[in-house]
Amino acid sequence: MAPRVFLTGSTGFVGKHVARALLARGFLVRCLVRPGSEHELKGFESIDRVPGDVMEPDDLAPSAEGCAAIVHLVGIIREQPSRGATFERLHVQATRNMLALARKAGVPRYVQMSALGARPGARARYHQTKWEAEEAVRASGLDWTIFRPSIIFGRGDEFVSVLGRLIKRLPVVPVLGDGRYRLQPIPVAQVAEAFARSLRTPATIRQTYEVAGPTPYAFLDLLDEIARALGRARARKIHVPLGPVRLMTRLLEWLPFYPVSSDQLTMLEEESVADPSRFFGEWPHKGAFPHQHGDARGLLERIEAQLRERIEEAIEMAALKLMVDTRAQAGRPAPESTSAADRTEFEGTARALLDRLRARFLAELPADLRPRYQQAESAAADEAARPLAGQVFLARQLPDYWQRFERYQREDAQERLADAAKPGWIRRLFGQS
């Protein structure tokens, strides 16, 4: 039987990706879900959901028993004391609770998400509490692995995606200070893959990995990279002196709507960079990731590659669901991954779906975007890659791309199922319905 993993923080940005990576690596996944957040896991039909809270672990042992590992992702970037969301509670105490749960339930393996910058004597309380949590993990007696990621980006993240929205909506983007402080973003897919692979790699036990992309970017340059990914020459910026911002933050950071905390300003000044060579090279998964250390590609290309993968995945999932539904309607068995005929049918279904989606997007595409769309398709490596290249262009240009994608795909599925329900001409010829 496949090993089962008990996953915390599964409804978050990173957690959903880790759940997918674990499933792809053959693990069964049991997610701890706070009551009220179940909707965040919509579409994850193959996982177990356990209602509960990392701060109330007493009744969780039966759910963790029999699991091969606990993967603990819970954390916050900013405190909300009025709601009990403090660094001490959700970084330190939550970690201690999950370590105690592992020991009580007999779970031998434990993987922790920390943060780049966690260290003794750190200035920011965020980093201090992350370090304290790490120390608890190291003293636990379990077979542990710790990952310290830098800025993690991907669709739905709370940093790069937010900057993209600011660039699109504001005439100028505010930059604190000189903007030369550096960040080293890494795609969420790589982080998630690392968590999943570590559970299959004994050499990662009792190891701590600093996780960052191959290239550090000054914040100013990062804004320009994102702007280019959005089809603009560069981001227009306005610099805001740090001194007045610090003073105002000390006075107003307790307000829920105030956009930054003193801790975040401290971390911004300290930068978030590391040498990721050990993560990409020394760990025995060399060659496993699509973007290795030393990859000369810019952030724009890596964002586009991840966007392309996301679109491909969405099309494949929609094609698979369409196959399953049409077969069920016809009384045929679901497709099998081991069947060459089913794989061929699946590939054809995905290609046909992509062509139909392309036609629907083009039908509603503004005239001023059509020449650039055609140019994006023409720049593809070969004819077969052109429809997907066009979708990547549309995803960058249309703010409502994914809403349109889901609507077009849903309408297409309804049409395909309606067509499949109609009697064929031979059956009609013989008066059968």
Protein backbone atom coordinates (compact mmCIF):
# COMPACT_ATOMS: atom_id res chain seq x y z
CA MET A 1 0.00 0.00 0.00
CA ALA A 2 1.20 3.53 -0.79
CA PRO A 3 2.60 5.46 2.20
CA ARG A 4 0.33 8.13 3.67
CA VAL A 5 1.45 11.66 4.54
CA PHE A 6 -0.24 13.90 7.12
CA LEU A 7 -0.12 17.44 5.68
CA THR A 8 -0.73 20.71 7.54
CA GLY A 9 -1.22 24.06 5.80
CA SER A 10 -2.74 22.25 2.82
CA THR A 11 -5.24 25.01 2.01
CA GLY A 12 -2.51 27.61 1.53
CA PHE A 13 -0.68 28.63 -1.63
CA VAL A 14 2.29 26.29 -1.08
CA GLY A 15 0.19 23.59 0.57
CA LYS A 16 -1.95 22.93 -2.50
CA HIS A 17 1.15 22.48 -4.63
CA VAL A 18 2.76 20.18 -2.07
CA ALA A 19 -0.41 18.07 -2.00
CA ARG A 20 -0.28 17.72 -5.79
CA ALA A 21 3.44 16.86 -5.71
CA LEU A 22 2.89 14.19 -3.05
CA LEU A 23 0.06 12.63 -5.06
CA ALA A 24 2.22 12.67 -8.18
CA ARG A 25 4.97 10.84 -6.26
CA GLY A 26 2.61 8.06 -5.28
CA PHE A 27 1.77 9.12 -1.73
CA LEU A 28 -1.65 9.09 -0.14
CA VAL A 29 -2.38 12.50 1.38
CA ARG A 30 -4.32 13.27 4.54
CA CYS A 31 -4.86 17.01 5.00
CA LEU A 32 -5.55 18.74 8.28
CA VAL A 33 -8.22 21.32 7.44
CA ARG A 34 -9.52 24.03 9.73
CA PRO A 35 -13.33 24.04 9.80
CA GLY A 36 -14.56 26.65 7.37
CA SER A 37 -11.65 26.34 4.92
CA GLU A 38 -12.74 23.09 3.25
CA HIS A 39 -13.69 24.97 0.06
CA GLU A 40 -10.02 25.81 -0.49
CA LEU A 41 -9.41 22.18 -1.46
CA LYS A 42 -12.12 22.03 -4.09
CA GLY A 43 -10.99 19.71 -6.86
CA PHE A 44 -8.73 17.59 -4.63
CA GLU A 45 -10.99 14.56 -4.70
CA SER A 46 -8.26 11.99 -4.02
CA ILE A 47 -7.16 13.29 -0.60
CA ASP A 48 -8.45 12.64 2.90
CA ARG A 49 -9.65 15.66 4.86
CA VAL A 50 -9.35 15.73 8.63
CA PRO A 51 -11.09 18.62 10.45
CA GLY A 52 -8.86 20.14 13.08
CA ASP A 53 -6.35 22.79 14.09
CA VAL A 54 -2.60 22.67 14.70
CA MET A 55 -3.25 24.56 17.95
CA GLU A 56 -5.62 21.86 19.21
CA PRO A 57 -3.72 18.59 18.64
CA ASP A 58 -5.20 16.44 21.41
CA ASP A 59 -7.71 14.60 19.21
CA LEU A 60 -5.53 14.27 16.11
CA ALA A 61 -3.52 11.16 17.01
CA PRO A 62 -6.00 8.66 15.48
CA SER A 63 -5.84 10.58 12.18
CA ALA A 64 -2.03 10.60 12.15
CA GLU A 65 -1.60 6.95 13.15
CA GLY A 66 -0.34 4.83 10.30
CA CYS A 67 1.08 7.81 8.43
CA ALA A 68 4.66 7.56 7.21
CA ALA A 69 5.39 11.27 7.63
CA ILE A 70 4.10 14.63 8.76
CA VAL A 71 4.76 17.60 6.48
CA HIS A 72 4.24 20.82 8.42
CA LEU A 73 3.72 24.01 6.38
CA VAL A 74 1.71 26.27 8.70
CA GLY A 75 3.08 29.77 9.14
CA ILE A 76 2.17 33.45 8.86
CA ILE A 77 4.05 36.42 7.47
CA ARG A 78 2.25 39.00 9.62
CA GLU A 79 0.70 38.78 13.08
CA GLN A 80 -2.92 39.47 14.00
CA PRO A 81 -2.88 39.26 17.82
CA SER A 82 -6.60 39.99 18.14
CA ARG A 83 -7.27 36.72 16.31
CA GLY A 84 -4.59 34.76 18.15
CA ALA A 85 -2.36 34.73 15.08
CA THR A 86 1.09 35.43 16.55
CA PHE A 87 4.51 34.18 15.51
CA GLU A 88 5.00 32.46 18.85
CA ARG A 89 1.76 30.52 18.51
CA LEU A 90 1.74 29.62 14.82
CA HIS A 91 5.48 29.16 14.30
CA VAL A 92 6.77 27.80 17.60
CA GLN A 93 3.85 26.28 19.46
CA ALA A 94 2.22 24.84 16.35
CA THR A 95 5.51 23.13 15.46
CA ARG A 96 5.85 21.71 18.97
CA ASN A 97 2.29 20.44 18.73
CA MET A 98 2.96 18.64 15.45
CA LEU A 99 6.19 17.14 16.78
CA ALA A 100 4.31 15.87 19.82
CA LEU A 101 1.63 14.48 17.51
CA ALA A 102 4.26 12.64 15.47
CA ARG A 103 5.70 11.01 18.60
CA LYS A 104 2.27 10.14 20.01
CA ALA A 105 1.04 8.64 16.72
CA GLY A 106 4.30 6.84 15.98
CA VAL A 107 5.08 8.83 12.82
CA PRO A 108 8.84 8.56 12.20
CA ARG A 109 9.41 11.17 9.45
CA TYR A 110 8.91 14.91 9.72
CA VAL A 111 9.45 17.71 7.17
CA GLN A 112 9.27 21.37 8.19
CA MET A 113 8.91 24.54 6.14
CA SER A 114 10.99 27.28 7.73
CA ALA A 115 12.18 30.49 6.03
CA LEU A 116 15.35 31.90 4.56
CA GLY A 117 16.87 34.14 7.21
CA ALA A 118 15.98 31.96 10.20
CA ARG A 119 19.04 32.05 12.47
CA PRO A 120 20.10 32.70 16.04
CA GLY A 121 20.16 36.40 16.88
CA ALA A 122 17.93 37.40 13.97
CA ARG A 123 16.58 40.96 14.08
CA ALA A 124 13.08 40.15 12.82
CA ARG A 125 10.75 38.28 15.16
CA TYR A 126 9.50 36.35 12.15
CA HIS A 127 12.99 34.88 11.69
CA GLN A 128 13.52 34.46 15.44
CA THR A 129 10.42 32.31 15.81
CA LYS A 130 11.19 30.33 12.67
CA TRP A 131 14.61 29.54 14.19
CA GLU A 132 13.05 28.56 17.50
CA ALA A 133 10.73 26.19 15.64
CA GLU A 134 13.72 24.71 13.81
CA GLU A 135 15.49 24.09 17.10
CA ALA A 136 12.45 22.17 18.34
CA VAL A 137 12.52 20.04 15.20
CA ARG A 138 16.23 19.29 15.56
CA ALA A 139 15.74 18.24 19.18
CA SER A 140 12.71 16.05 18.44
CA GLY A 141 14.49 12.73 17.87
CA LEU A 142 12.51 12.25 14.64
CA ASP A 143 13.92 11.79 11.14
CA TRP A 144 13.55 15.42 10.12
CA THR A 145 14.25 17.64 7.11
CA ILE A 146 13.99 21.44 7.09
CA PHE A 147 13.54 23.67 4.06
CA ARG A 148 14.18 27.44 4.21
CA PRO A 149 12.65 28.99 1.07
CA SER A 150 13.14 32.52 -0.20
CA ILE A 151 10.27 34.29 -1.98
CA ILE A 152 8.06 31.64 -3.59
CA PHE A 153 6.19 32.64 -6.73
CA GLY A 154 3.44 31.11 -8.80
CA ARG A 155 -0.17 31.72 -9.71
CA GLY A 156 -1.94 32.97 -6.59
CA ASP A 157 1.17 33.86 -4.58
CA GLU A 158 1.16 36.87 -2.29
CA PHE A 159 4.22 38.65 -3.63
CA VAL A 160 5.10 38.39 -7.33
CA SER A 161 1.43 38.13 -8.36
CA VAL A 162 0.58 41.13 -6.16
CA LEU A 163 3.38 43.15 -7.77
CA GLY A 164 2.00 42.17 -11.17
CA ARG A 165 -1.42 43.50 -10.25
CA LEU A 166 0.10 46.76 -9.00
CA ILE A 167 2.03 47.21 -12.25
CA LYS A 168 -1.14 46.62 -14.27
CA ARG A 169 -3.45 48.84 -12.20
CA LEU A 170 -1.32 51.74 -10.93
CA PRO A 171 0.29 54.48 -13.01
CA VAL A 172 3.43 54.14 -10.84
CA VAL A 173 4.54 51.46 -8.36
CA PRO A 174 5.80 52.68 -4.95
CA VAL A 175 9.32 51.49 -4.08
CA LEU A 176 10.53 51.68 -0.49
CA GLY A 177 13.98 53.21 -0.23
CA ASP A 178 16.43 52.80 -3.09
CA GLY A 179 14.98 49.47 -4.21
CA ARG A 180 18.40 47.83 -4.50
CA TYR A 181 17.69 45.20 -1.81
CA ARG A 182 17.80 41.76 -3.37
CA LEU A 183 15.39 38.86 -3.55
CA GLN A 184 15.84 35.39 -5.06
CA PRO A 185 12.43 34.08 -6.14
CA ILE A 186 11.86 30.37 -6.73
CA PRO A 187 8.89 28.71 -8.49
CA VAL A 188 6.41 27.04 -6.16
CA ALA A 189 6.53 23.85 -8.24
CA GLN A 190 10.21 23.38 -7.34
CA VAL A 191 9.56 23.91 -3.65
CA ALA A 192 6.66 21.46 -3.66
CA GLU A 193 8.69 18.89 -5.57
CA ALA A 194 11.46 19.16 -2.98
CA PHE A 195 9.06 18.33 -0.14
CA ALA A 196 7.75 15.29 -2.00
CA ARG A 197 11.17 14.03 -3.10
CA SER A 198 12.69 14.42 0.35
CA LEU A 199 10.36 11.70 1.64
CA ARG A 200 11.83 9.29 -0.92
CA THR A 201 15.44 10.33 -0.26
CA PRO A 202 17.01 9.06 3.01
CA ALA A 203 20.04 11.31 2.48
CA THR A 204 17.87 14.35 3.29
CA ILE A 205 17.23 13.16 6.86
CA ARG A 206 18.61 15.59 9.48
CA GLN A 207 19.49 18.11 6.79
CA THR A 208 18.54 21.78 6.40
CA TYR A 209 18.32 23.30 2.91
CA GLU A 210 18.31 26.94 1.90
CA VAL A 211 15.92 27.15 -1.03
CA ALA A 212 16.16 29.95 -3.59
CA GLY A 213 16.13 30.49 -7.32
CA PRO A 214 19.38 30.56 -9.28
CA THR A 215 19.45 34.35 -9.71
CA PRO A 216 19.14 37.18 -7.16
CA TYR A 217 17.26 40.29 -8.32
CA ALA A 218 17.33 43.81 -6.98
CA PHE A 219 13.73 44.77 -6.23
CA LEU A 220 13.84 47.41 -8.98
CA ASP A 221 14.99 44.83 -11.53
CA LEU A 222 12.37 42.36 -10.35
CA LEU A 223 9.63 44.92 -11.03
CA ASP A 224 10.96 45.41 -14.56
CA GLU A 225 11.13 41.65 -15.16
CA ILE A 226 7.49 41.29 -14.10
CA ALA A 227 6.51 44.26 -16.27
CA ARG A 228 8.17 42.60 -19.29
CA ALA A 229 6.28 39.38 -18.52
CA LEU A 230 3.12 41.50 -18.75
CA GLY A 231 4.13 42.87 -22.14
CA ARG A 232 5.45 46.24 -20.96
CA ALA A 233 8.89 47.72 -21.51
CA ARG A 234 9.43 48.42 -17.81
CA ALA A 235 7.60 49.33 -14.60
CA ARG A 236 7.11 52.99 -13.76
CA LYS A 237 8.23 53.58 -10.16
CA ILE A 238 8.19 56.20 -7.44
CA HIS A 239 10.63 55.98 -4.54
CA VAL A 240 9.36 56.45 -0.99
CA PRO A 241 11.95 57.25 1.73
CA LEU A 242 12.24 54.50 4.34
CA GLY A 243 12.57 56.81 7.35
CA PRO A 244 9.04 58.26 7.27
CA VAL A 245 7.63 54.83 6.38
CA ARG A 246 9.29 53.27 9.45
CA LEU A 247 7.85 55.97 11.71
CA MET A 248 4.36 55.67 10.24
CA THR A 249 4.54 51.86 10.44
CA ARG A 250 5.39 51.92 14.16
CA LEU A 251 2.30 54.05 14.72
CA LEU A 252 -0.17 52.28 12.41
CA GLU A 253 0.92 48.66 11.91
CA TRP A 254 -1.63 47.45 14.48
CA LEU A 255 -4.40 48.42 12.04
CA PRO A 256 -5.53 45.40 9.94
CA PHE A 257 -5.62 47.39 6.69
CA TYR A 258 -2.12 48.90 7.08
CA PRO A 259 -0.08 47.22 4.31
CA VAL A 260 3.25 46.51 6.03
CA SER A 261 4.72 45.71 9.45
CA SER A 262 7.96 46.78 11.13
CA ASP A 263 9.12 43.17 10.91
CA GLN A 264 8.57 43.12 7.17
CA LEU A 265 10.55 46.35 6.72
CA THR A 266 13.42 44.80 8.68
CA MET A 267 13.39 41.67 6.51
CA LEU A 268 13.22 43.76 3.34
CA GLU A 269 16.38 45.62 4.31
CA GLU A 270 18.15 42.36 5.20
CA GLU A 271 17.38 40.90 1.74
CA SER A 272 16.36 37.31 0.98
CA VAL A 273 19.22 35.68 -0.91
CA ALA A 274 21.24 32.50 -0.58
CA ASP A 275 23.57 30.16 -2.44
CA PRO A 276 21.17 27.42 -3.63
CA SER A 277 23.91 25.17 -5.05
CA ARG A 278 23.46 22.58 -2.28
CA PHE A 279 19.71 22.48 -2.83
CA PHE A 280 20.12 21.98 -6.57
CA GLY A 281 23.40 20.11 -6.63
CA GLU A 282 24.41 18.22 -3.49
CA TRP A 283 20.98 16.83 -2.71
CA PRO A 284 20.58 13.57 -4.67
CA HIS A 285 17.88 14.80 -7.03
CA LYS A 286 20.32 16.32 -9.49
CA GLY A 287 18.70 16.80 -12.87
CA ALA A 288 15.23 16.36 -11.45
CA PHE A 289 14.16 19.98 -11.67
CA PRO A 290 13.44 21.87 -14.89
CA HIS A 291 15.43 24.94 -13.75
CA GLN A 292 18.81 24.00 -12.31
CA HIS A 293 21.31 26.14 -10.45
CA GLY A 294 23.22 28.11 -13.03
CA ASP A 295 20.22 28.36 -15.38
CA ALA A 296 20.89 31.54 -17.32
CA ARG A 297 17.26 32.18 -18.15
CA GLY A 298 15.71 35.32 -16.76
CA LEU A 299 12.74 35.46 -14.45
CA LEU A 300 10.52 36.35 -17.44
CA GLU A 301 11.33 33.05 -19.15
CA ARG A 302 10.84 31.05 -15.95
CA ILE A 303 7.49 32.74 -15.29
CA GLU A 304 6.41 31.96 -18.85
CA ALA A 305 7.56 28.35 -18.50
CA GLN A 306 5.52 27.93 -15.33
CA LEU A 307 2.53 29.63 -16.95
CA ARG A 308 2.81 27.26 -19.93
CA GLU A 309 2.92 24.27 -17.58
CA ARG A 310 -0.15 25.56 -15.71
CA ILE A 311 -2.13 25.95 -18.94
CA GLU A 312 -1.05 22.51 -20.17
CA GLU A 313 -2.10 21.00 -16.86
CA ALA A 314 -5.50 22.73 -16.99
CA ILE A 315 -6.13 21.51 -20.54
CA GLU A 316 -5.07 17.96 -19.70
CA MET A 317 -7.28 17.86 -16.60
CA ALA A 318 -10.25 19.18 -18.59
CA ALA A 319 -9.59 16.67 -21.40
CA LEU A 320 -9.38 13.79 -18.94
CA LYS A 321 -12.63 14.81 -17.24
CA LEU A 322 -14.32 15.10 -20.64
CA MET A 323 -13.15 11.57 -21.55
CA VAL A 324 -14.37 10.14 -18.25
CA ASP A 325 -17.76 11.87 -18.50
CA THR A 326 -18.43 10.95 -22.15
CA ARG A 327 -17.44 7.34 -21.52
CA ALA A 328 -19.64 7.13 -18.43
CA GLN A 329 -22.54 8.53 -20.46
CA ALA A 330 -21.95 5.84 -23.10
CA GLY A 331 -21.54 3.07 -20.52
CA ARG A 332 -17.84 2.66 -21.31
CA PRO A 333 -15.12 2.15 -18.68
CA ALA A 334 -12.91 5.03 -17.57
CA PRO A 335 -9.59 5.41 -19.43
CA GLU A 336 -6.58 3.47 -18.12
CA SER A 337 -3.11 5.00 -17.95
CA THR A 338 -1.62 1.63 -18.95
CA SER A 339 -3.64 1.45 -22.19
CA ALA A 340 -1.82 2.73 -25.28
CA ALA A 341 -5.16 3.24 -27.05
CA ASP A 342 -6.51 5.30 -24.14
CA ARG A 343 -3.35 7.42 -24.06
CA THR A 344 -3.67 8.10 -27.79
CA GLU A 345 -7.34 9.04 -27.37
CA PHE A 346 -6.44 11.30 -24.44
CA GLU A 347 -3.76 13.13 -26.44
CA GLY A 348 -6.19 13.64 -29.30
CA THR A 349 -8.90 14.87 -26.92
CA ALA A 350 -6.48 17.39 -25.36
CA ARG A 351 -5.36 18.69 -28.78
CA ALA A 352 -8.93 19.05 -29.99
CA LEU A 353 -9.95 20.83 -26.78
CA LEU A 354 -7.05 23.26 -27.12
CA ASP A 355 -8.08 24.04 -30.71
CA ARG A 356 -11.68 24.69 -29.67
CA LEU A 357 -10.60 26.92 -26.78
CA ARG A 358 -8.34 28.81 -29.16
CA ALA A 359 -11.28 29.46 -31.47
CA ARG A 360 -13.45 30.70 -28.58
CA PHE A 361 -10.77 33.07 -27.32
CA LEU A 362 -10.18 34.44 -30.82
CA ALA A 363 -13.88 35.07 -31.33
CA GLU A 364 -13.89 37.52 -28.40
CA LEU A 365 -10.34 38.88 -28.70
CA PRO A 366 -10.08 42.68 -29.10
CA ALA A 367 -8.87 43.69 -32.55
CA ASP A 368 -5.80 45.50 -31.21
CA LEU A 369 -4.50 42.29 -29.62
CA ARG A 370 -4.90 40.08 -32.69
CA PRO A 371 -1.63 41.04 -34.48
CA ARG A 372 0.40 40.48 -31.30
CA TYR A 373 -1.42 37.20 -30.68
CA GLN A 374 -0.57 35.99 -34.18
CA GLN A 375 3.03 37.10 -33.67
CA ALA A 376 3.22 35.10 -30.42
CA GLU A 377 1.92 32.00 -32.17
CA SER A 378 4.30 32.46 -35.12
CA ALA A 379 7.29 32.69 -32.76
CA ALA A 380 6.64 29.15 -31.44
CA ALA A 381 9.22 26.49 -32.18
CA ASP A 382 6.91 24.49 -34.47
CA GLU A 383 3.34 24.42 -35.67
CA ALA A 384 2.22 22.00 -32.96
CA ALA A 385 3.39 24.42 -30.25
CA ARG A 386 1.59 27.47 -31.68
CA PRO A 387 -1.83 27.07 -30.00
CA LEU A 388 -0.23 26.76 -26.56
CA ALA A 389 2.08 29.73 -27.22
CA GLY A 390 -1.02 31.73 -28.06
CA GLN A 391 -2.66 30.75 -24.79
CA VAL A 392 0.43 31.86 -22.84
CA PHE A 393 0.23 35.25 -24.58
CA LEU A 394 -3.47 35.55 -23.74
CA ALA A 395 -2.86 34.61 -20.09
CA ARG A 396 -0.37 37.46 -19.85
CA GLN A 397 -2.60 40.01 -21.57
CA LEU A 398 -6.12 39.25 -20.33
CA PRO A 399 -6.80 39.93 -16.62
CA ASP A 400 -9.78 37.58 -16.76
CA TYR A 401 -8.02 34.83 -18.73
CA TRP A 402 -8.67 32.05 -16.22
CA GLN A 403 -12.31 33.04 -15.75
CA ARG A 404 -12.75 32.92 -19.53
CA PHE A 405 -10.84 29.62 -19.73
CA GLU A 406 -13.12 27.99 -17.19
CA ARG A 407 -16.26 29.36 -18.85
CA TYR A 408 -15.20 28.27 -22.35
CA GLN A 409 -14.12 24.85 -21.09
CA ARG A 410 -17.38 24.35 -19.19
CA GLU A 411 -19.51 25.36 -22.20
CA ASP A 412 -17.43 23.13 -24.46
CA ALA A 413 -17.89 20.14 -22.14
CA GLN A 414 -21.65 20.70 -22.07
CA GLU A 415 -21.73 20.77 -25.88
CA ARG A 416 -19.59 17.63 -26.21
CA LEU A 417 -21.77 15.72 -23.74
CA ALA A 418 -24.94 16.88 -25.49
CA ASP A 419 -23.54 15.73 -28.85
CA ALA A 420 -22.53 12.38 -27.37
CA ALA A 421 -26.09 11.88 -26.10
CA LYS A 422 -27.61 12.26 -29.58
CA PRO A 423 -28.26 8.98 -31.44
CA GLY A 424 -25.87 8.25 -34.29
CA TRP A 425 -27.10 8.30 -37.88
CA ILE A 426 -27.10 4.50 -38.14
CA ARG A 427 -29.27 4.19 -35.02
CA ARG A 428 -31.58 6.91 -36.34
CA LEU A 429 -31.79 5.11 -39.68
CA PHE A 430 -33.12 2.03 -37.92
CA GLY A 431 -35.47 4.02 -35.74
CA GLN A 432 -33.43 3.57 -32.52
CA SER A 433 -32.94 6.39 -30.05
